[in-house]
Amino acid sequence: MKRLFVWLIGALSITLSGSLWADELALDARLEQYEYPFPVQVLAIDAQRQSLDMAYMDVAPKQSNGQTVLLLHGKNFSGAYWERTITELLADGYRVVVPDQIGFGKSSKPDHLQYSFQMLADQTRRLLDSLKVDDVTVVGHSMGGMLATRFALMFPERTRSLVLVNPIGLEDWQHKQVPWQSVEAWYQGELNKTPETVKAYMTASYFDGQWKEAYDPLLTLQQGWMRGPDYPRIAWNSALHYEMIFSQPVVQDFDRLTVPTLLVIGTRDRTALGRNRAPEEIRETLGRYDQLGQKTVQRIPDATLVELEGIGHVPQFEAFDRYMAALRTFLQQSR
């Protein structure tokens, strides 16, 4: 009888496990089954002899203060993860524009595209033109911080102010002796990932080994694409994005910024592209955001630094109230 009970428990566990796995999302390239927090529209863009779709959210407040905030997502994210930030900004009267860059989120995932931050910035400018938005406060997180910097450099007359939230690219990894690798190598690395390794990476790198249920939305897209039919296409675009990030640094141009800039830095962050390929003796010197924030604020002519002690790469999830307080104060001062 005891053996039968153990067998039944084991069978039940297998059944439940299979059921839970079957219920997990398998997402296509354009996230048709994944609902965003606000209505999504699409801008048709011609680029490099092909027609592409740029998905975006354009959300208006009930009572406008006359200003617009542009939110730029990071490498492993989409516009959807800004939901709570959007809600707070709307309550303060801001119009909020949130694009998915080409190759990300609900936007097109082309077979071939020569990615550059200049191209993405210009496509974002075209989006603002189509919406008849003259100037914006640009908020960029992670890779979005690199893009936001390039946008502000290319279109200073359209940039009211700039906010960088734990941006990557505060150091040039090539100058730090991180070896180059081919797009094909980046691609193979993406194909080798699994839903489990993605969560393990985010847990260790973003949240100091402490995962909370509130962070689950950050996994949905990456894991869902891995289970879906289009993952090779997703992985190829991701490899092209990595090549862009690695080979097109912005740190050397910080001193050319002419707009008021806020740096919101979680000091526990240690994000550094290619750390695993760097010489062992310098790996621990990379991605030291507890030092990079101070160095960066000295490079940018009109910059303010807010350090969030003990917070990692995604402050808008890990320490929302502190992050939002810094953003709200800066926006009010920049009016």
C-alpha atoms as a PDB file:
ATOM      1  CA  MET A   1       0.000   0.000   0.000  1.00  0.00           C
ATOM      2  CA  LYS A   2       2.841   2.372   0.840  1.00  0.00           C
ATOM      3  CA  ARG A   3       4.473   1.704  -2.555  1.00  0.00           C
ATOM      4  CA  LEU A   4       1.148   2.384  -4.309  1.00  0.00           C
ATOM      5  CA  PHE A   5       0.812   5.694  -2.447  1.00  0.00           C
ATOM      6  CA  VAL A   6       4.317   6.746  -3.455  1.00  0.00           C
ATOM      7  CA  TRP A   7       3.621   5.774  -7.072  1.00  0.00           C
ATOM      8  CA  LEU A   8       0.383   7.784  -7.113  1.00  0.00           C
ATOM      9  CA  ILE A   9       2.138  10.841  -5.699  1.00  0.00           C
ATOM     10  CA  GLY A  10       4.874  10.509  -8.337  1.00  0.00           C
ATOM     11  CA  ALA A  11       2.345  10.109 -11.146  1.00  0.00           C
ATOM     12  CA  LEU A  12       0.392  13.108  -9.899  1.00  0.00           C
ATOM     13  CA  SER A  13       3.585  15.202  -9.833  1.00  0.00           C
ATOM     14  CA  ILE A  14       4.423  14.231 -13.404  1.00  0.00           C
ATOM     15  CA  THR A  15       0.875  15.047 -14.534  1.00  0.00           C
ATOM     16  CA  LEU A  16       0.900  18.432 -12.824  1.00  0.00           C
ATOM     17  CA  SER A  17       4.340  19.204 -14.165  1.00  0.00           C
ATOM     18  CA  GLY A  18       3.268  18.325 -17.691  1.00  0.00           C
ATOM     19  CA  SER A  19       0.139  20.429 -17.310  1.00  0.00           C
ATOM     20  CA  LEU A  20       2.070  23.427 -16.062  1.00  0.00           C
ATOM     21  CA  TRP A  21       4.577  23.126 -18.897  1.00  0.00           C
ATOM     22  CA  ALA A  22       1.749  22.907 -21.460  1.00  0.00           C
ATOM     23  CA  ASP A  23       0.227  26.095 -20.048  1.00  0.00           C
ATOM     24  CA  GLU A  24       3.447  28.078 -20.418  1.00  0.00           C
ATOM     25  CA  LEU A  25       3.399  30.517 -23.300  1.00  0.00           C
ATOM     26  CA  ALA A  26       4.995  29.675 -26.625  1.00  0.00           C
ATOM     27  CA  LEU A  27       5.313  33.007 -28.408  1.00  0.00           C
ATOM     28  CA  ASP A  28       5.735  33.852 -32.077  1.00  0.00           C
ATOM     29  CA  ALA A  29       8.059  36.546 -33.395  1.00  0.00           C
ATOM     30  CA  ARG A  30       5.443  39.312 -33.291  1.00  0.00           C
ATOM     31  CA  LEU A  31       3.950  38.345 -29.911  1.00  0.00           C
ATOM     32  CA  GLU A  32       0.452  37.869 -31.296  1.00  0.00           C
ATOM     33  CA  GLN A  33      -0.580  35.978 -28.136  1.00  0.00           C
ATOM     34  CA  TYR A  34       0.995  38.456 -25.735  1.00  0.00           C
ATOM     35  CA  GLU A  35      -1.087  41.447 -24.650  1.00  0.00           C
ATOM     36  CA  TYR A  36       0.577  44.768 -23.860  1.00  0.00           C
ATOM     37  CA  PRO A  37      -0.682  46.991 -21.029  1.00  0.00           C
ATOM     38  CA  PHE A  38      -1.890  49.703 -23.429  1.00  0.00           C
ATOM     39  CA  PRO A  39      -3.086  49.665 -27.061  1.00  0.00           C
ATOM     40  CA  VAL A  40      -0.369  48.969 -29.625  1.00  0.00           C
ATOM     41  CA  GLN A  41      -0.107  50.742 -32.958  1.00  0.00           C
ATOM     42  CA  VAL A  42       2.291  50.156 -35.847  1.00  0.00           C
ATOM     43  CA  LEU A  43       4.372  52.543 -37.956  1.00  0.00           C
ATOM     44  CA  ALA A  44       5.518  51.281 -41.369  1.00  0.00           C
ATOM     45  CA  ILE A  45       9.215  51.973 -41.907  1.00  0.00           C
ATOM     46  CA  ASP A  46      11.361  51.382 -44.987  1.00  0.00           C
ATOM     47  CA  ALA A  47      14.935  50.443 -44.104  1.00  0.00           C
ATOM     48  CA  GLN A  48      17.702  48.892 -46.175  1.00  0.00           C
ATOM     49  CA  ARG A  49      15.424  47.916 -49.080  1.00  0.00           C
ATOM     50  CA  GLN A  50      12.751  46.266 -46.954  1.00  0.00           C
ATOM     51  CA  SER A  51       9.467  47.218 -45.315  1.00  0.00           C
ATOM     52  CA  LEU A  52       9.372  46.895 -41.538  1.00  0.00           C
ATOM     53  CA  ASP A  53       6.805  47.481 -38.793  1.00  0.00           C
ATOM     54  CA  MET A  54       7.650  49.462 -35.682  1.00  0.00           C
ATOM     55  CA  ALA A  55       5.197  48.721 -32.870  1.00  0.00           C
ATOM     56  CA  TYR A  56       4.589  51.353 -30.230  1.00  0.00           C
ATOM     57  CA  MET A  57       2.286  52.549 -27.468  1.00  0.00           C
ATOM     58  CA  ASP A  58       1.197  56.195 -27.456  1.00  0.00           C
ATOM     59  CA  VAL A  59      -0.730  56.888 -24.281  1.00  0.00           C
ATOM     60  CA  ALA A  60      -2.391  60.194 -23.422  1.00  0.00           C
ATOM     61  CA  PRO A  61      -3.170  61.352 -19.865  1.00  0.00           C
ATOM     62  CA  LYS A  62      -6.633  62.424 -18.798  1.00  0.00           C
ATOM     63  CA  GLN A  63      -5.286  65.913 -18.075  1.00  0.00           C
ATOM     64  CA  SER A  64      -2.164  66.887 -20.000  1.00  0.00           C
ATOM     65  CA  ASN A  65       0.723  68.980 -18.694  1.00  0.00           C
ATOM     66  CA  GLY A  66       1.855  69.539 -22.293  1.00  0.00           C
ATOM     67  CA  GLN A  67       4.974  67.370 -22.109  1.00  0.00           C
ATOM     68  CA  THR A  68       5.885  63.977 -23.553  1.00  0.00           C
ATOM     69  CA  VAL A  69       8.147  61.267 -22.184  1.00  0.00           C
ATOM     70  CA  LEU A  70       9.782  58.749 -24.534  1.00  0.00           C
ATOM     71  CA  LEU A  71      10.643  55.399 -22.901  1.00  0.00           C
ATOM     72  CA  LEU A  72      13.330  53.236 -24.536  1.00  0.00           C
ATOM     73  CA  HIS A  73      13.591  49.587 -23.515  1.00  0.00           C
ATOM     74  CA  GLY A  74      16.687  47.477 -22.890  1.00  0.00           C
ATOM     75  CA  LYS A  75      18.177  44.545 -24.778  1.00  0.00           C
ATOM     76  CA  ASN A  76      16.307  41.737 -23.014  1.00  0.00           C
ATOM     77  CA  PHE A  77      13.009  43.596 -22.763  1.00  0.00           C
ATOM     78  CA  SER A  78      10.198  45.284 -24.685  1.00  0.00           C
ATOM     79  CA  GLY A  79       8.053  48.343 -24.185  1.00  0.00           C
ATOM     80  CA  ALA A  80       5.619  46.321 -22.087  1.00  0.00           C
ATOM     81  CA  TYR A  81       7.878  46.239 -19.009  1.00  0.00           C
ATOM     82  CA  TRP A  82       7.453  50.011 -18.601  1.00  0.00           C
ATOM     83  CA  GLU A  83       3.807  49.499 -17.528  1.00  0.00           C
ATOM     84  CA  ARG A  84       4.116  50.842 -13.994  1.00  0.00           C
ATOM     85  CA  THR A  85       6.264  53.782 -15.092  1.00  0.00           C
ATOM     86  CA  ILE A  86       3.721  54.665 -17.787  1.00  0.00           C
ATOM     87  CA  THR A  87       0.874  54.592 -15.265  1.00  0.00           C
ATOM     88  CA  GLU A  88       2.709  56.934 -12.895  1.00  0.00           C
ATOM     89  CA  LEU A  89       3.668  59.344 -15.681  1.00  0.00           C
ATOM     90  CA  LEU A  90       0.088  59.458 -16.952  1.00  0.00           C
ATOM     91  CA  ALA A  91      -1.100  60.363 -13.460  1.00  0.00           C
ATOM     92  CA  ASP A  92       1.349  63.282 -13.543  1.00  0.00           C
ATOM     93  CA  GLY A  93      -0.075  64.514 -16.848  1.00  0.00           C
ATOM     94  CA  TYR A  94       2.608  63.306 -19.270  1.00  0.00           C
ATOM     95  CA  ARG A  95       1.913  61.857 -22.673  1.00  0.00           C
ATOM     96  CA  VAL A  96       4.013  58.689 -22.957  1.00  0.00           C
ATOM     97  CA  VAL A  97       5.418  57.193 -26.160  1.00  0.00           C
ATOM     98  CA  VAL A  98       6.907  53.698 -25.877  1.00  0.00           C
ATOM     99  CA  PRO A  99       8.325  52.080 -29.031  1.00  0.00           C
ATOM    100  CA  ASP A 100       9.513  48.544 -29.552  1.00  0.00           C
ATOM    101  CA  GLN A 101      12.690  49.014 -31.575  1.00  0.00           C
ATOM    102  CA  ILE A 102      13.029  46.989 -34.769  1.00  0.00           C
ATOM    103  CA  GLY A 103      14.045  43.448 -33.790  1.00  0.00           C
ATOM    104  CA  PHE A 104      12.346  43.680 -30.383  1.00  0.00           C
ATOM    105  CA  GLY A 105       8.917  43.097 -28.854  1.00  0.00           C
ATOM    106  CA  LYS A 106       6.040  43.289 -31.337  1.00  0.00           C
ATOM    107  CA  SER A 107       8.126  44.952 -34.049  1.00  0.00           C
ATOM    108  CA  SER A 108       9.520  43.232 -37.148  1.00  0.00           C
ATOM    109  CA  LYS A 109      12.320  40.693 -36.806  1.00  0.00           C
ATOM    110  CA  PRO A 110      14.059  40.953 -40.192  1.00  0.00           C
ATOM    111  CA  ASP A 111      16.166  38.166 -41.658  1.00  0.00           C
ATOM    112  CA  HIS A 112      18.970  40.626 -42.380  1.00  0.00           C
ATOM    113  CA  LEU A 113      19.549  44.166 -41.149  1.00  0.00           C
ATOM    114  CA  GLN A 114      22.664  46.174 -40.428  1.00  0.00           C
ATOM    115  CA  TYR A 115      21.789  47.463 -36.980  1.00  0.00           C
ATOM    116  CA  SER A 116      23.157  50.711 -35.629  1.00  0.00           C
ATOM    117  CA  PHE A 117      22.166  53.014 -32.805  1.00  0.00           C
ATOM    118  CA  GLN A 118      22.019  55.834 -35.349  1.00  0.00           C
ATOM    119  CA  MET A 119      19.476  53.894 -37.409  1.00  0.00           C
ATOM    120  CA  LEU A 120      17.330  53.083 -34.372  1.00  0.00           C
ATOM    121  CA  ALA A 121      17.507  56.699 -33.194  1.00  0.00           C
ATOM    122  CA  ASP A 122      16.438  57.967 -36.616  1.00  0.00           C
ATOM    123  CA  GLN A 123      13.555  55.485 -36.748  1.00  0.00           C
ATOM    124  CA  THR A 124      12.477  56.725 -33.328  1.00  0.00           C
ATOM    125  CA  ARG A 125      12.659  60.299 -34.630  1.00  0.00           C
ATOM    126  CA  ARG A 126      10.429  59.252 -37.539  1.00  0.00           C
ATOM    127  CA  LEU A 127       7.937  57.831 -35.068  1.00  0.00           C
ATOM    128  CA  LEU A 128       7.828  61.140 -33.188  1.00  0.00           C
ATOM    129  CA  ASP A 129       7.384  62.979 -36.502  1.00  0.00           C
ATOM    130  CA  SER A 130       4.416  60.774 -37.361  1.00  0.00           C
ATOM    131  CA  LEU A 131       2.878  61.548 -33.950  1.00  0.00           C
ATOM    132  CA  LYS A 132       3.619  65.286 -34.340  1.00  0.00           C
ATOM    133  CA  VAL A 133       5.667  65.303 -31.127  1.00  0.00           C
ATOM    134  CA  ASP A 134       8.211  68.118 -31.230  1.00  0.00           C
ATOM    135  CA  ASP A 135      10.318  67.402 -28.144  1.00  0.00           C
ATOM    136  CA  VAL A 136      10.553  64.747 -25.459  1.00  0.00           C
ATOM    137  CA  THR A 137      12.268  63.771 -22.272  1.00  0.00           C
ATOM    138  CA  VAL A 138      14.076  60.577 -23.272  1.00  0.00           C
ATOM    139  CA  VAL A 139      14.308  57.813 -20.668  1.00  0.00           C
ATOM    140  CA  GLY A 140      16.492  54.835 -21.563  1.00  0.00           C
ATOM    141  CA  HIS A 141      17.203  51.709 -19.532  1.00  0.00           C
ATOM    142  CA  SER A 142      20.090  49.273 -20.116  1.00  0.00           C
ATOM    143  CA  MET A 143      20.689  49.141 -23.899  1.00  0.00           C
ATOM    144  CA  GLY A 144      17.990  51.805 -24.148  1.00  0.00           C
ATOM    145  CA  GLY A 145      20.403  54.119 -22.347  1.00  0.00           C
ATOM    146  CA  MET A 146      22.895  53.771 -25.202  1.00  0.00           C
ATOM    147  CA  LEU A 147      20.128  54.473 -27.706  1.00  0.00           C
ATOM    148  CA  ALA A 148      18.815  57.408 -25.663  1.00  0.00           C
ATOM    149  CA  THR A 149      22.314  58.905 -25.591  1.00  0.00           C
ATOM    150  CA  ARG A 150      22.665  58.568 -29.364  1.00  0.00           C
ATOM    151  CA  PHE A 151      19.194  60.095 -29.873  1.00  0.00           C
ATOM    152  CA  ALA A 152      20.095  63.094 -27.692  1.00  0.00           C
ATOM    153  CA  LEU A 153      23.345  63.577 -29.621  1.00  0.00           C
ATOM    154  CA  MET A 154      21.667  63.366 -33.020  1.00  0.00           C
ATOM    155  CA  PHE A 155      18.549  65.361 -32.155  1.00  0.00           C
ATOM    156  CA  PRO A 156      19.370  67.758 -29.314  1.00  0.00           C
ATOM    157  CA  GLU A 157      16.638  70.135 -30.497  1.00  0.00           C
ATOM    158  CA  ARG A 158      14.071  67.353 -29.960  1.00  0.00           C
ATOM    159  CA  THR A 159      15.451  66.325 -26.548  1.00  0.00           C
ATOM    160  CA  ARG A 160      14.179  68.328 -23.588  1.00  0.00           C
ATOM    161  CA  SER A 161      16.208  66.220 -21.155  1.00  0.00           C
ATOM    162  CA  LEU A 162      17.770  62.785 -20.833  1.00  0.00           C
ATOM    163  CA  VAL A 163      17.395  60.057 -18.189  1.00  0.00           C
ATOM    164  CA  LEU A 164      19.694  57.020 -18.139  1.00  0.00           C
ATOM    165  CA  VAL A 165      18.577  54.157 -15.890  1.00  0.00           C
ATOM    166  CA  ASN A 166      21.389  51.664 -15.301  1.00  0.00           C
ATOM    167  CA  PRO A 167      22.520  52.086 -18.901  1.00  0.00           C
ATOM    168  CA  ILE A 168      24.999  49.674 -20.348  1.00  0.00           C
ATOM    169  CA  GLY A 169      27.871  51.169 -22.296  1.00  0.00           C
ATOM    170  CA  LEU A 170      29.308  53.260 -19.468  1.00  0.00           C
ATOM    171  CA  GLU A 171      32.619  51.649 -20.420  1.00  0.00           C
ATOM    172  CA  ASP A 172      34.059  50.478 -23.740  1.00  0.00           C
ATOM    173  CA  TRP A 173      34.528  46.726 -23.349  1.00  0.00           C
ATOM    174  CA  GLN A 174      36.869  46.575 -26.352  1.00  0.00           C
ATOM    175  CA  HIS A 175      39.258  48.944 -24.587  1.00  0.00           C
ATOM    176  CA  LYS A 176      38.916  46.742 -21.504  1.00  0.00           C
ATOM    177  CA  GLN A 177      40.430  43.819 -23.448  1.00  0.00           C
ATOM    178  CA  VAL A 178      37.192  41.929 -23.982  1.00  0.00           C
ATOM    179  CA  PRO A 179      37.822  39.934 -27.177  1.00  0.00           C
ATOM    180  CA  TRP A 180      35.648  40.443 -30.257  1.00  0.00           C
ATOM    181  CA  GLN A 181      33.488  37.577 -31.432  1.00  0.00           C
ATOM    182  CA  SER A 182      31.544  37.024 -34.650  1.00  0.00           C
ATOM    183  CA  VAL A 183      27.800  37.382 -35.095  1.00  0.00           C
ATOM    184  CA  GLU A 184      27.726  33.640 -35.713  1.00  0.00           C
ATOM    185  CA  ALA A 185      29.256  33.062 -32.275  1.00  0.00           C
ATOM    186  CA  TRP A 186      26.711  35.386 -30.651  1.00  0.00           C
ATOM    187  CA  TYR A 187      23.987  33.480 -32.512  1.00  0.00           C
ATOM    188  CA  GLN A 188      25.190  30.089 -31.307  1.00  0.00           C
ATOM    189  CA  GLY A 189      25.262  31.427 -27.763  1.00  0.00           C
ATOM    190  CA  GLU A 190      21.626  32.489 -28.104  1.00  0.00           C
ATOM    191  CA  LEU A 191      20.613  29.082 -29.484  1.00  0.00           C
ATOM    192  CA  ASN A 192      22.283  27.384 -26.525  1.00  0.00           C
ATOM    193  CA  LYS A 193      20.106  29.233 -24.007  1.00  0.00           C
ATOM    194  CA  THR A 194      17.133  27.586 -22.325  1.00  0.00           C
ATOM    195  CA  PRO A 195      14.230  29.002 -20.281  1.00  0.00           C
ATOM    196  CA  GLU A 196      16.036  27.791 -17.181  1.00  0.00           C
ATOM    197  CA  THR A 197      19.362  29.442 -18.013  1.00  0.00           C
ATOM    198  CA  VAL A 198      17.604  32.731 -18.810  1.00  0.00           C
ATOM    199  CA  LYS A 199      16.043  32.793 -15.357  1.00  0.00           C
ATOM    200  CA  ALA A 200      19.331  31.782 -13.745  1.00  0.00           C
ATOM    201  CA  TYR A 201      21.118  34.635 -15.541  1.00  0.00           C
ATOM    202  CA  MET A 202      18.549  37.249 -14.558  1.00  0.00           C
ATOM    203  CA  THR A 203      18.460  35.996 -10.988  1.00  0.00           C
ATOM    204  CA  ALA A 204      22.216  36.162 -10.568  1.00  0.00           C
ATOM    205  CA  SER A 205      22.938  39.251 -12.671  1.00  0.00           C
ATOM    206  CA  TYR A 206      19.924  41.453 -12.024  1.00  0.00           C
ATOM    207  CA  PHE A 207      18.719  40.513  -8.550  1.00  0.00           C
ATOM    208  CA  ASP A 208      21.706  39.243  -6.581  1.00  0.00           C
ATOM    209  CA  GLY A 209      20.408  35.668  -6.497  1.00  0.00           C
ATOM    210  CA  GLN A 210      17.041  36.600  -4.985  1.00  0.00           C
ATOM    211  CA  TRP A 211      14.116  36.027  -7.352  1.00  0.00           C
ATOM    212  CA  LYS A 212      10.666  37.378  -6.471  1.00  0.00           C
ATOM    213  CA  GLU A 213       7.309  36.702  -8.080  1.00  0.00           C
ATOM    214  CA  ALA A 214       7.090  40.391  -9.038  1.00  0.00           C
ATOM    215  CA  TYR A 215       9.996  39.820 -11.452  1.00  0.00           C
ATOM    216  CA  ASP A 216       8.208  37.066 -13.416  1.00  0.00           C
ATOM    217  CA  PRO A 217       7.038  39.385 -16.248  1.00  0.00           C
ATOM    218  CA  LEU A 218      10.684  39.948 -17.172  1.00  0.00           C
ATOM    219  CA  LEU A 219      10.944  36.270 -18.140  1.00  0.00           C
ATOM    220  CA  THR A 220       7.787  35.957 -20.229  1.00  0.00           C
ATOM    221  CA  LEU A 221       9.109  37.130 -23.581  1.00  0.00           C
ATOM    222  CA  GLN A 222      12.545  35.505 -23.505  1.00  0.00           C
ATOM    223  CA  GLN A 223      11.232  32.149 -22.290  1.00  0.00           C
ATOM    224  CA  GLY A 224       8.122  32.276 -24.480  1.00  0.00           C
ATOM    225  CA  TRP A 225      10.143  32.867 -27.627  1.00  0.00           C
ATOM    226  CA  MET A 226      12.350  29.890 -26.803  1.00  0.00           C
ATOM    227  CA  ARG A 227       9.251  27.671 -26.722  1.00  0.00           C
ATOM    228  CA  GLY A 228       7.772  29.237 -29.839  1.00  0.00           C
ATOM    229  CA  PRO A 229       8.145  28.542 -33.573  1.00  0.00           C
ATOM    230  CA  ASP A 230      10.345  31.521 -34.454  1.00  0.00           C
ATOM    231  CA  TYR A 231      13.206  31.292 -32.004  1.00  0.00           C
ATOM    232  CA  PRO A 232      15.994  30.966 -34.622  1.00  0.00           C
ATOM    233  CA  ARG A 233      14.851  34.279 -36.107  1.00  0.00           C
ATOM    234  CA  ILE A 234      14.674  35.856 -32.628  1.00  0.00           C
ATOM    235  CA  ALA A 235      18.137  34.510 -31.779  1.00  0.00           C
ATOM    236  CA  TRP A 236      19.625  35.851 -35.025  1.00  0.00           C
ATOM    237  CA  ASN A 237      18.286  39.347 -34.396  1.00  0.00           C
ATOM    238  CA  SER A 238      19.548  39.136 -30.822  1.00  0.00           C
ATOM    239  CA  ALA A 239      23.011  38.260 -32.109  1.00  0.00           C
ATOM    240  CA  LEU A 240      22.934  41.283 -34.413  1.00  0.00           C
ATOM    241  CA  HIS A 241      21.896  43.451 -31.469  1.00  0.00           C
ATOM    242  CA  TYR A 242      24.824  42.178 -29.403  1.00  0.00           C
ATOM    243  CA  GLU A 243      27.220  43.016 -32.215  1.00  0.00           C
ATOM    244  CA  MET A 244      25.786  46.549 -32.360  1.00  0.00           C
ATOM    245  CA  ILE A 245      26.109  47.041 -28.604  1.00  0.00           C
ATOM    246  CA  PHE A 246      29.652  45.700 -28.447  1.00  0.00           C
ATOM    247  CA  SER A 247      31.039  47.506 -31.487  1.00  0.00           C
ATOM    248  CA  GLN A 248      29.275  50.886 -31.210  1.00  0.00           C
ATOM    249  CA  PRO A 249      30.157  52.423 -27.822  1.00  0.00           C
ATOM    250  CA  VAL A 250      28.721  55.777 -26.758  1.00  0.00           C
ATOM    251  CA  VAL A 251      30.893  56.434 -23.716  1.00  0.00           C
ATOM    252  CA  GLN A 252      33.401  58.466 -25.716  1.00  0.00           C
ATOM    253  CA  ASP A 253      30.601  60.896 -26.711  1.00  0.00           C
ATOM    254  CA  PHE A 254      29.189  61.677 -23.265  1.00  0.00           C
ATOM    255  CA  ASP A 255      31.091  64.960 -23.164  1.00  0.00           C
ATOM    256  CA  ARG A 256      29.174  66.125 -26.274  1.00  0.00           C
ATOM    257  CA  LEU A 257      25.763  65.898 -24.602  1.00  0.00           C
ATOM    258  CA  THR A 258      24.120  69.325 -24.322  1.00  0.00           C
ATOM    259  CA  VAL A 259      20.899  68.490 -22.479  1.00  0.00           C
ATOM    260  CA  PRO A 260      20.205  68.129 -18.738  1.00  0.00           C
ATOM    261  CA  THR A 261      20.847  64.511 -17.835  1.00  0.00           C
ATOM    262  CA  LEU A 262      19.864  62.304 -14.903  1.00  0.00           C
ATOM    263  CA  LEU A 263      21.756  59.107 -14.105  1.00  0.00           C
ATOM    264  CA  VAL A 264      19.824  56.621 -11.969  1.00  0.00           C
ATOM    265  CA  ILE A 265      22.304  53.942 -10.969  1.00  0.00           C
ATOM    266  CA  GLY A 266      21.699  50.801  -8.955  1.00  0.00           C
ATOM    267  CA  THR A 267      25.137  50.336  -7.451  1.00  0.00           C
ATOM    268  CA  ARG A 268      24.962  46.532  -7.126  1.00  0.00           C
ATOM    269  CA  ASP A 269      24.744  46.166 -10.912  1.00  0.00           C
ATOM    270  CA  ARG A 270      27.686  44.342 -12.511  1.00  0.00           C
ATOM    271  CA  THR A 271      26.418  44.034 -16.099  1.00  0.00           C
ATOM    272  CA  ALA A 272      29.260  43.835 -18.627  1.00  0.00           C
ATOM    273  CA  LEU A 273      29.021  42.482 -22.153  1.00  0.00           C
ATOM    274  CA  GLY A 274      31.478  39.660 -22.839  1.00  0.00           C
ATOM    275  CA  ARG A 275      32.699  39.339 -19.244  1.00  0.00           C
ATOM    276  CA  ASN A 276      33.096  35.587 -19.712  1.00  0.00           C
ATOM    277  CA  ARG A 277      35.551  36.191 -22.599  1.00  0.00           C
ATOM    278  CA  ALA A 278      37.663  38.789 -20.787  1.00  0.00           C
ATOM    279  CA  PRO A 279      41.027  37.866 -19.264  1.00  0.00           C
ATOM    280  CA  GLU A 280      40.366  36.395 -15.839  1.00  0.00           C
ATOM    281  CA  GLU A 281      42.425  39.027 -14.054  1.00  0.00           C
ATOM    282  CA  ILE A 282      40.153  41.876 -15.223  1.00  0.00           C
ATOM    283  CA  ARG A 283      36.714  40.251 -15.090  1.00  0.00           C
ATOM    284  CA  GLU A 284      35.935  41.599 -11.647  1.00  0.00           C
ATOM    285  CA  THR A 285      36.832  45.132 -12.734  1.00  0.00           C
ATOM    286  CA  LEU A 286      34.099  45.183 -15.399  1.00  0.00           C
ATOM    287  CA  GLY A 287      30.590  46.496 -14.856  1.00  0.00           C
ATOM    288  CA  ARG A 288      31.377  48.177 -11.544  1.00  0.00           C
ATOM    289  CA  TYR A 289      28.352  50.457 -11.427  1.00  0.00           C
ATOM    290  CA  ASP A 290      29.300  51.521  -7.921  1.00  0.00           C
ATOM    291  CA  GLN A 291      32.214  53.285  -9.664  1.00  0.00           C
ATOM    292  CA  LEU A 292      30.858  53.876 -13.163  1.00  0.00           C
ATOM    293  CA  GLY A 293      28.101  56.221 -12.018  1.00  0.00           C
ATOM    294  CA  GLN A 294      30.598  58.582 -10.429  1.00  0.00           C
ATOM    295  CA  LYS A 295      32.887  58.473 -13.476  1.00  0.00           C
ATOM    296  CA  THR A 296      30.029  59.071 -15.914  1.00  0.00           C
ATOM    297  CA  VAL A 297      28.503  62.056 -14.119  1.00  0.00           C
ATOM    298  CA  GLN A 298      31.886  63.775 -14.437  1.00  0.00           C
ATOM    299  CA  ARG A 299      31.928  63.209 -18.220  1.00  0.00           C
ATOM    300  CA  ILE A 300      28.489  64.673 -18.975  1.00  0.00           C
ATOM    301  CA  PRO A 301      28.449  68.497 -18.844  1.00  0.00           C
ATOM    302  CA  ASP A 302      25.025  68.929 -17.165  1.00  0.00           C
ATOM    303  CA  ALA A 303      24.418  65.733 -15.226  1.00  0.00           C
ATOM    304  CA  THR A 304      22.909  64.676 -11.908  1.00  0.00           C
ATOM    305  CA  LEU A 305      23.607  61.306 -10.313  1.00  0.00           C
ATOM    306  CA  VAL A 306      21.189  59.406  -8.087  1.00  0.00           C
ATOM    307  CA  GLU A 307      22.716  56.216  -6.716  1.00  0.00           C
ATOM    308  CA  LEU A 308      20.433  53.484  -5.391  1.00  0.00           C
ATOM    309  CA  GLU A 309      22.571  51.596  -2.920  1.00  0.00           C
ATOM    310  CA  GLY A 310      22.204  47.820  -2.981  1.00  0.00           C
ATOM    311  CA  ILE A 311      20.002  47.806  -6.115  1.00  0.00           C
ATOM    312  CA  GLY A 312      20.838  45.978  -9.323  1.00  0.00           C
ATOM    313  CA  HIS A 313      20.261  46.322 -13.058  1.00  0.00           C
ATOM    314  CA  VAL A 314      16.479  46.860 -13.110  1.00  0.00           C
ATOM    315  CA  PRO A 315      15.591  49.523 -10.514  1.00  0.00           C
ATOM    316  CA  GLN A 316      12.104  49.993 -11.959  1.00  0.00           C
ATOM    317  CA  PHE A 317      11.280  46.477 -10.751  1.00  0.00           C
ATOM    318  CA  GLU A 318      13.512  46.077  -7.710  1.00  0.00           C
ATOM    319  CA  ALA A 319      13.135  49.533  -6.143  1.00  0.00           C
ATOM    320  CA  PHE A 320      10.302  51.229  -7.998  1.00  0.00           C
ATOM    321  CA  ASP A 321       9.442  53.889  -5.431  1.00  0.00           C
ATOM    322  CA  ARG A 322      13.030  55.139  -5.155  1.00  0.00           C
ATOM    323  CA  TYR A 323      13.527  55.050  -8.913  1.00  0.00           C
ATOM    324  CA  MET A 324      10.234  56.831  -9.565  1.00  0.00           C
ATOM    325  CA  ALA A 325      10.937  59.498  -6.969  1.00  0.00           C
ATOM    326  CA  ALA A 326      14.234  60.332  -8.702  1.00  0.00           C
ATOM    327  CA  LEU A 327      12.579  60.411 -12.127  1.00  0.00           C
ATOM    328  CA  ARG A 328       9.625  62.513 -10.969  1.00  0.00           C
ATOM    329  CA  THR A 329      11.849  65.068  -9.217  1.00  0.00           C
ATOM    330  CA  PHE A 330      14.042  65.445 -12.305  1.00  0.00           C
ATOM    331  CA  LEU A 331      11.061  65.838 -14.627  1.00  0.00           C
ATOM    332  CA  GLN A 332       9.604  68.555 -12.423  1.00  0.00           C
ATOM    333  CA  GLN A 333      12.916  70.402 -12.327  1.00  0.00           C
ATOM    334  CA  SER A 334      13.294  70.137 -16.104  1.00  0.00           C
ATOM    335  CA  ARG A 335       9.957  71.755 -16.959  1.00  0.00           C
END
